[in-house]
Amino acid sequence: MSPNPDADLERLRAIALKLPEAAERSSHGSPGFFITKGRFFAYFWHDVHGDGETAVVVKTGGREEQAQLIEHDPDFYYSPPYLGPSGWVAMRVGPDADWDRVGDRVAQSWELVAPRRLLEAGGR
């Protein structure tokens, strides 16, 4: 668990809100990032239900991609409760997190939910 979740949330906020038409609102008590008038692409979770994790949760291309990510790096990725069965993946964050890597996955998640008009306009 991160010793400074507020700083981690600020880093995620800076990454997510740079994406076109991104906005933030609380979802089930956690900060969530979505495309205005659209779907969520990232969540910030800190010690959800006492799990001891601080994570950024993002959409993947599906269960196969999720499984590959977790198998490749289980210290970084894990299947989050509730969203895991839908192919989302959680990335553990904290003081030693690779925020470039986190940012890349957040952007990929954004692309998965972005409407065609944003993608055709050049996306991120």
C-alpha atoms as a PDB file:
ATOM      1  CA  MET A   1       0.000   0.000   0.000  1.00  0.00           C
ATOM      2  CA  SER A   2       1.263   3.426  -0.879  1.00  0.00           C
ATOM      3  CA  PRO A   3       2.415   5.620   2.008  1.00  0.00           C
ATOM      4  CA  ASN A   4       1.173   8.691   0.121  1.00  0.00           C
ATOM      5  CA  PRO A   5      -2.005   7.881  -1.818  1.00  0.00           C
ATOM      6  CA  ASP A   6      -2.853  11.573  -2.257  1.00  0.00           C
ATOM      7  CA  ALA A   7       0.349  12.111  -4.261  1.00  0.00           C
ATOM      8  CA  ASP A   8      -0.399   8.996  -6.329  1.00  0.00           C
ATOM      9  CA  LEU A   9      -3.905  10.246  -7.070  1.00  0.00           C
ATOM     10  CA  GLU A  10      -2.501  13.619  -8.155  1.00  0.00           C
ATOM     11  CA  ARG A  11      -0.105  11.873 -10.541  1.00  0.00           C
ATOM     12  CA  LEU A  12      -2.951   9.829 -12.018  1.00  0.00           C
ATOM     13  CA  ARG A  13      -5.135  12.935 -12.251  1.00  0.00           C
ATOM     14  CA  ALA A  14      -2.391  14.750 -14.208  1.00  0.00           C
ATOM     15  CA  ILE A  15      -2.130  11.824 -16.643  1.00  0.00           C
ATOM     16  CA  ALA A  16      -5.840  11.153 -17.094  1.00  0.00           C
ATOM     17  CA  LEU A  17      -7.103  14.709 -17.367  1.00  0.00           C
ATOM     18  CA  LYS A  18      -4.641  15.521 -20.176  1.00  0.00           C
ATOM     19  CA  LEU A  19      -6.553  13.125 -22.421  1.00  0.00           C
ATOM     20  CA  PRO A  20      -9.192  14.661 -24.712  1.00  0.00           C
ATOM     21  CA  GLU A  21     -12.577  15.217 -23.056  1.00  0.00           C
ATOM     22  CA  ALA A  22     -11.493  13.423 -19.869  1.00  0.00           C
ATOM     23  CA  ALA A  23     -13.260  14.265 -16.644  1.00  0.00           C
ATOM     24  CA  GLU A  24     -13.315  12.977 -13.070  1.00  0.00           C
ATOM     25  CA  ARG A  25     -16.081  11.942 -10.715  1.00  0.00           C
ATOM     26  CA  SER A  26     -16.474   9.617  -7.786  1.00  0.00           C
ATOM     27  CA  SER A  27     -17.661   6.112  -8.574  1.00  0.00           C
ATOM     28  CA  HIS A  28     -18.530   3.794  -5.696  1.00  0.00           C
ATOM     29  CA  GLY A  29     -16.489   5.988  -3.371  1.00  0.00           C
ATOM     30  CA  SER A  30     -13.316   6.079  -5.485  1.00  0.00           C
ATOM     31  CA  PRO A  31     -12.065   8.643  -7.993  1.00  0.00           C
ATOM     32  CA  GLY A  32     -12.906   7.590 -11.530  1.00  0.00           C
ATOM     33  CA  PHE A  33     -11.906   9.063 -14.873  1.00  0.00           C
ATOM     34  CA  PHE A  34     -14.192   9.006 -17.880  1.00  0.00           C
ATOM     35  CA  ILE A  35     -14.730  10.613 -21.245  1.00  0.00           C
ATOM     36  CA  THR A  36     -17.304  13.377 -20.954  1.00  0.00           C
ATOM     37  CA  LYS A  37     -20.745  11.925 -21.696  1.00  0.00           C
ATOM     38  CA  GLY A  38     -19.043   8.541 -22.024  1.00  0.00           C
ATOM     39  CA  ARG A  39     -17.543   5.577 -20.269  1.00  0.00           C
ATOM     40  CA  PHE A  40     -14.931   5.215 -17.542  1.00  0.00           C
ATOM     41  CA  PHE A  41     -11.362   4.388 -18.527  1.00  0.00           C
ATOM     42  CA  ALA A  42      -9.520   4.511 -15.167  1.00  0.00           C
ATOM     43  CA  TYR A  43     -10.091   4.365 -11.424  1.00  0.00           C
ATOM     44  CA  PHE A  44      -7.907   5.116  -8.426  1.00  0.00           C
ATOM     45  CA  TRP A  45      -8.302   2.605  -5.616  1.00  0.00           C
ATOM     46  CA  HIS A  46      -6.674   2.846  -2.201  1.00  0.00           C
ATOM     47  CA  ASP A  47      -7.213   0.060   0.313  1.00  0.00           C
ATOM     48  CA  VAL A  48     -10.590  -0.876  -1.184  1.00  0.00           C
ATOM     49  CA  HIS A  49     -12.374  -3.098   1.342  1.00  0.00           C
ATOM     50  CA  GLY A  50      -9.125  -3.309   3.337  1.00  0.00           C
ATOM     51  CA  ASP A  51      -7.167  -5.096   0.585  1.00  0.00           C
ATOM     52  CA  GLY A  52      -3.935  -3.206   1.406  1.00  0.00           C
ATOM     53  CA  GLU A  53      -3.380  -2.132  -2.214  1.00  0.00           C
ATOM     54  CA  THR A  54      -3.054   1.253  -3.874  1.00  0.00           C
ATOM     55  CA  ALA A  55      -3.825   0.822  -7.555  1.00  0.00           C
ATOM     56  CA  VAL A  56      -4.764   2.393 -10.834  1.00  0.00           C
ATOM     57  CA  VAL A  57      -7.395   0.232 -12.519  1.00  0.00           C
ATOM     58  CA  VAL A  58      -7.746   0.331 -16.308  1.00  0.00           C
ATOM     59  CA  LYS A  59      -9.618  -1.381 -19.094  1.00  0.00           C
ATOM     60  CA  THR A  60      -7.798  -3.908 -21.278  1.00  0.00           C
ATOM     61  CA  GLY A  61      -8.694  -5.427 -24.620  1.00  0.00           C
ATOM     62  CA  GLY A  62     -10.250  -8.353 -22.777  1.00  0.00           C
ATOM     63  CA  ARG A  63      -9.566 -11.293 -20.513  1.00  0.00           C
ATOM     64  CA  GLU A  64      -6.760 -12.639 -22.707  1.00  0.00           C
ATOM     65  CA  GLU A  65      -4.774  -9.399 -22.574  1.00  0.00           C
ATOM     66  CA  GLN A  66      -5.489  -9.096 -18.849  1.00  0.00           C
ATOM     67  CA  ALA A  67      -4.158 -12.620 -18.242  1.00  0.00           C
ATOM     68  CA  GLN A  68      -1.025 -11.939 -20.296  1.00  0.00           C
ATOM     69  CA  LEU A  69      -0.238  -8.760 -18.358  1.00  0.00           C
ATOM     70  CA  ILE A  70      -0.687 -10.470 -14.998  1.00  0.00           C
ATOM     71  CA  GLU A  71       1.353 -13.501 -16.064  1.00  0.00           C
ATOM     72  CA  HIS A  72       4.163 -11.290 -17.399  1.00  0.00           C
ATOM     73  CA  ASP A  73       4.426  -9.123 -14.264  1.00  0.00           C
ATOM     74  CA  PRO A  74       2.350 -10.326 -11.285  1.00  0.00           C
ATOM     75  CA  ASP A  75       4.169  -7.958  -8.911  1.00  0.00           C
ATOM     76  CA  PHE A  76       2.756  -4.994 -10.844  1.00  0.00           C
ATOM     77  CA  TYR A  77      -0.534  -6.225 -12.313  1.00  0.00           C
ATOM     78  CA  TYR A  78      -3.424  -8.063 -10.691  1.00  0.00           C
ATOM     79  CA  SER A  79      -7.068  -8.776 -11.374  1.00  0.00           C
ATOM     80  CA  PRO A  80      -9.134  -6.281  -9.374  1.00  0.00           C
ATOM     81  CA  PRO A  81     -12.316  -7.276  -7.574  1.00  0.00           C
ATOM     82  CA  TYR A  82     -15.575  -6.414  -9.361  1.00  0.00           C
ATOM     83  CA  LEU A  83     -13.945  -5.230 -12.608  1.00  0.00           C
ATOM     84  CA  GLY A  84     -11.483  -8.093 -13.134  1.00  0.00           C
ATOM     85  CA  PRO A  85     -14.087 -10.469 -14.589  1.00  0.00           C
ATOM     86  CA  SER A  86     -14.761  -7.835 -17.266  1.00  0.00           C
ATOM     87  CA  GLY A  87     -11.095  -7.748 -18.312  1.00  0.00           C
ATOM     88  CA  TRP A  88      -9.912  -4.730 -16.328  1.00  0.00           C
ATOM     89  CA  VAL A  89      -6.459  -4.856 -14.732  1.00  0.00           C
ATOM     90  CA  ALA A  90      -5.051  -3.133 -11.648  1.00  0.00           C
ATOM     91  CA  MET A  91      -1.544  -1.697 -11.463  1.00  0.00           C
ATOM     92  CA  ARG A  92       0.066  -1.348  -8.050  1.00  0.00           C
ATOM     93  CA  VAL A  93       1.351   2.191  -7.510  1.00  0.00           C
ATOM     94  CA  GLY A  94       3.373   3.921  -4.848  1.00  0.00           C
ATOM     95  CA  PRO A  95       6.680   5.713  -4.440  1.00  0.00           C
ATOM     96  CA  ASP A  96       8.562   3.347  -6.772  1.00  0.00           C
ATOM     97  CA  ALA A  97       5.907   3.135  -9.503  1.00  0.00           C
ATOM     98  CA  ASP A  98       6.910   3.551 -13.140  1.00  0.00           C
ATOM     99  CA  TRP A  99       4.484   6.367 -13.956  1.00  0.00           C
ATOM    100  CA  ASP A 100       5.400   6.336 -17.653  1.00  0.00           C
ATOM    101  CA  ARG A 101       4.207   2.737 -17.750  1.00  0.00           C
ATOM    102  CA  VAL A 102       1.050   3.622 -15.812  1.00  0.00           C
ATOM    103  CA  GLY A 103       0.417   6.555 -18.141  1.00  0.00           C
ATOM    104  CA  ASP A 104       0.761   4.368 -21.216  1.00  0.00           C
ATOM    105  CA  ARG A 105      -1.816   1.883 -19.884  1.00  0.00           C
ATOM    106  CA  VAL A 106      -4.185   4.719 -18.917  1.00  0.00           C
ATOM    107  CA  ALA A 107      -3.928   6.116 -22.463  1.00  0.00           C
ATOM    108  CA  GLN A 108      -4.565   2.680 -23.969  1.00  0.00           C
ATOM    109  CA  SER A 109      -7.616   2.312 -21.757  1.00  0.00           C
ATOM    110  CA  TRP A 110      -8.847   5.746 -22.886  1.00  0.00           C
ATOM    111  CA  GLU A 111      -8.486   4.618 -26.514  1.00  0.00           C
ATOM    112  CA  LEU A 112     -10.634   1.552 -25.806  1.00  0.00           C
ATOM    113  CA  VAL A 113     -13.585   3.679 -24.697  1.00  0.00           C
ATOM    114  CA  ALA A 114     -13.090   6.817 -26.809  1.00  0.00           C
ATOM    115  CA  PRO A 115     -15.737   7.536 -29.416  1.00  0.00           C
ATOM    116  CA  ARG A 116     -14.696   7.262 -33.033  1.00  0.00           C
ATOM    117  CA  ARG A 117     -14.866  11.059 -33.496  1.00  0.00           C
ATOM    118  CA  LEU A 118     -12.073  11.540 -30.908  1.00  0.00           C
ATOM    119  CA  LEU A 119      -9.937   8.785 -32.384  1.00  0.00           C
ATOM    120  CA  GLU A 120     -10.397  10.155 -35.905  1.00  0.00           C
ATOM    121  CA  ALA A 121      -9.487  13.634 -34.664  1.00  0.00           C
ATOM    122  CA  GLY A 122      -6.085  12.340 -33.651  1.00  0.00           C
ATOM    123  CA  GLY A 123      -6.885  10.736 -30.294  1.00  0.00           C
ATOM    124  CA  ARG A 124      -4.366  11.359 -27.622  1.00  0.00           C
END
